[in-house]
Amino acid sequence: MKEEMDGLMDLFKREGVEYELYEHEPVYTSEEASRVRGVELRSGVKALVLRSDDGRYLLADLAADRKADIKKLQELANARKLHLASREEVIAVTRCEPGSVHPFGGLFGLQTYLDRSVLENEYVNFNVGLLTKSVRIRREDLTRLLGAVVADFARSP
């Protein structure tokens, strides 16, 4: 939603983050986003909202060309069971449509986990709370502001 984008842009301005803003057709998958941005799939940051069996939500960020290993995330989050959040849950927790969730879980009040696969790219790309807008920022700015637990929980598809 626009409010989520504005909150993220405010954070970038406060923290001196240089970014490139892309406006494009609506994208729903990492592959579509990569294509409209004209960048490699692996430079995208996929943000997954997950729910634990005790009702907690968390955000898992990984390179867009990878798949999340839910069992590893369960161990990291100290959760007996994790499930991908439903569309309705994603909207309720983030105020964003699935596919537009940005990686800054702290802005949603969510514990955030960052897979090391994201750190392989000098620049990263992600949606900013809208299906029609994305940004590109430096990896260092992402890690500096994210406040995430950095771990290995992604696997190649």
Protein backbone atom coordinates (compact mmCIF):
# COMPACT_ATOMS: atom_id res chain seq x y z
CA MET A 1 0.00 0.00 0.00
CA LYS A 2 1.05 3.59 -0.49
CA GLU A 3 1.52 4.12 3.27
CA GLU A 4 4.03 1.25 3.38
CA MET A 5 5.96 2.72 0.46
CA ASP A 6 5.97 6.17 2.09
CA GLY A 7 7.28 4.69 5.37
CA LEU A 8 10.08 2.93 3.53
CA MET A 9 11.01 6.03 1.51
CA ASP A 10 11.07 8.06 4.75
CA LEU A 11 13.45 5.50 6.27
CA PHE A 12 15.72 5.73 3.23
CA LYS A 13 15.78 9.54 3.41
CA ARG A 14 16.48 9.59 7.17
CA GLU A 15 19.30 7.08 6.79
CA GLY A 16 20.85 8.54 3.63
CA VAL A 17 20.12 5.54 1.42
CA GLU A 18 20.61 6.13 -2.29
CA TYR A 19 17.98 4.28 -4.28
CA GLU A 20 16.68 3.93 -7.78
CA LEU A 21 12.88 3.80 -8.02
CA TYR A 22 11.25 1.74 -10.78
CA GLU A 23 7.66 2.18 -11.91
CA HIS A 24 6.32 -0.75 -13.89
CA GLU A 25 3.34 -2.91 -14.70
CA PRO A 26 1.99 -4.89 -11.73
CA VAL A 27 4.18 -7.90 -10.89
CA TYR A 28 3.14 -10.89 -8.82
CA THR A 29 6.19 -13.17 -9.01
CA SER A 30 9.92 -12.74 -8.65
CA GLU A 31 10.36 -13.78 -12.28
CA GLU A 32 7.96 -11.07 -13.50
CA ALA A 33 9.67 -8.48 -11.31
CA SER A 34 13.11 -9.42 -12.63
CA ARG A 35 11.88 -9.11 -16.21
CA VAL A 36 10.26 -5.67 -15.84
CA ARG A 37 13.23 -4.32 -13.87
CA GLY A 38 15.71 -5.69 -16.42
CA VAL A 39 17.87 -7.31 -13.73
CA GLU A 40 19.03 -10.80 -12.87
CA LEU A 41 16.56 -12.88 -10.87
CA ARG A 42 19.13 -13.53 -8.14
CA SER A 43 19.38 -9.79 -7.35
CA GLY A 44 15.74 -9.68 -6.24
CA VAL A 45 14.85 -10.01 -2.56
CA LYS A 46 11.86 -12.29 -1.99
CA ALA A 47 10.06 -11.44 1.27
CA LEU A 48 7.97 -14.29 2.67
CA VAL A 49 5.51 -13.84 5.52
CA LEU A 50 5.26 -16.97 7.66
CA ARG A 51 3.06 -17.92 10.61
CA SER A 52 4.13 -20.22 13.43
CA ASP A 53 1.80 -22.73 15.01
CA ASP A 54 1.63 -20.48 18.10
CA GLY A 55 0.32 -17.54 16.02
CA ARG A 56 3.54 -15.51 15.64
CA TYR A 57 4.40 -14.02 12.25
CA LEU A 58 7.88 -13.50 10.83
CA LEU A 59 9.48 -12.31 7.61
CA ALA A 60 12.03 -14.38 5.70
CA ASP A 61 14.10 -12.57 3.05
CA LEU A 62 16.00 -14.57 0.45
CA ALA A 63 17.39 -14.18 -3.05
CA ALA A 64 14.58 -14.42 -5.59
CA ASP A 65 16.17 -17.38 -7.37
CA ARG A 66 16.07 -19.54 -4.22
CA LYS A 67 13.46 -21.47 -2.24
CA ALA A 68 13.06 -21.24 1.53
CA ASP A 69 13.89 -24.33 3.58
CA ILE A 70 11.00 -24.18 6.05
CA LYS A 71 12.60 -26.73 8.40
CA LYS A 72 15.71 -24.54 8.79
CA LEU A 73 13.52 -21.50 9.38
CA GLN A 74 11.57 -23.41 12.03
CA GLU A 75 14.83 -24.07 13.88
CA LEU A 76 15.95 -20.44 13.56
CA ALA A 77 12.60 -19.11 14.77
CA ASN A 78 12.34 -21.72 17.52
CA ALA A 79 8.95 -22.73 16.10
CA ARG A 80 7.49 -26.20 16.10
CA LYS A 81 5.81 -25.55 12.74
CA LEU A 82 5.86 -22.69 10.21
CA HIS A 83 3.41 -22.12 7.36
CA LEU A 84 3.34 -19.59 4.57
CA ALA A 85 0.81 -16.94 5.52
CA SER A 86 -2.40 -16.82 3.52
CA ARG A 87 -3.16 -13.86 1.27
CA GLU A 88 -5.52 -12.51 3.93
CA GLU A 89 -2.88 -12.88 6.66
CA VAL A 90 -0.22 -11.17 4.53
CA ILE A 91 -2.52 -8.20 3.99
CA ALA A 92 -3.56 -8.07 7.66
CA VAL A 93 0.03 -8.22 8.94
CA THR A 94 1.81 -6.03 6.36
CA ARG A 95 -0.97 -3.98 4.74
CA CYS A 96 0.57 -5.12 1.42
CA GLU A 97 -0.64 -7.40 -1.35
CA PRO A 98 1.32 -10.66 -1.67
CA GLY A 99 4.15 -9.99 -4.11
CA SER A 100 4.60 -6.39 -2.98
CA VAL A 101 5.91 -6.96 0.57
CA HIS A 102 9.25 -5.21 1.12
CA PRO A 103 12.03 -6.93 3.12
CA PHE A 104 12.01 -4.53 6.09
CA GLY A 105 10.04 -6.68 8.53
CA GLY A 106 10.79 -4.33 11.41
CA LEU A 107 8.50 -1.74 9.81
CA PHE A 108 5.72 -4.32 10.14
CA GLY A 109 6.73 -5.28 13.69
CA LEU A 110 8.02 -8.65 12.46
CA GLN A 111 11.19 -10.53 13.40
CA THR A 112 13.15 -10.72 10.15
CA TYR A 113 15.50 -13.40 8.88
CA LEU A 114 17.88 -12.71 5.99
CA ASP A 115 19.38 -15.55 4.01
CA ARG A 116 23.03 -15.14 3.07
CA SER A 117 22.08 -15.65 -0.61
CA VAL A 118 20.97 -11.99 -0.68
CA LEU A 119 24.48 -10.89 0.28
CA GLU A 120 25.95 -12.29 -2.96
CA ASN A 121 24.71 -9.19 -4.83
CA GLU A 122 26.20 -5.70 -4.65
CA TYR A 123 22.76 -4.24 -5.41
CA VAL A 124 19.39 -5.69 -4.47
CA ASN A 125 15.92 -5.06 -5.87
CA PHE A 126 12.52 -5.40 -4.25
CA ASN A 127 8.95 -4.11 -4.29
CA VAL A 128 8.17 -1.29 -1.88
CA GLY A 129 4.66 -2.18 -0.75
CA LEU A 130 3.05 -1.75 -4.17
CA LEU A 131 2.91 -4.19 -7.08
CA THR A 132 3.86 -1.37 -9.49
CA LYS A 133 6.92 0.12 -7.75
CA SER A 134 10.33 -1.31 -6.89
CA VAL A 135 13.67 -0.01 -5.71
CA ARG A 136 17.29 -0.87 -6.13
CA ILE A 137 19.65 -0.22 -3.21
CA ARG A 138 23.13 -1.29 -2.15
CA ARG A 139 23.42 -4.54 -0.20
CA GLU A 140 25.21 -2.67 2.58
CA ASP A 141 22.26 -0.33 3.09
CA LEU A 142 19.88 -3.28 3.24
CA THR A 143 21.88 -5.11 5.89
CA ARG A 144 22.59 -1.92 7.88
CA LEU A 145 18.90 -1.02 8.21
CA LEU A 146 17.24 -4.42 8.24
CA GLY A 147 18.00 -5.53 11.80
CA ALA A 148 17.66 -9.13 10.64
CA VAL A 149 19.03 -12.42 11.86
CA VAL A 150 21.44 -13.45 9.07
CA ALA A 151 21.51 -17.20 8.44
CA ASP A 152 21.44 -19.94 5.81
CA PHE A 153 17.91 -21.14 5.12
CA ALA A 154 17.55 -21.05 1.32
CA ARG A 155 18.23 -23.70 -1.24
CA SER A 156 18.56 -23.59 -5.01
CA PRO A 157 15.31 -24.52 -6.75
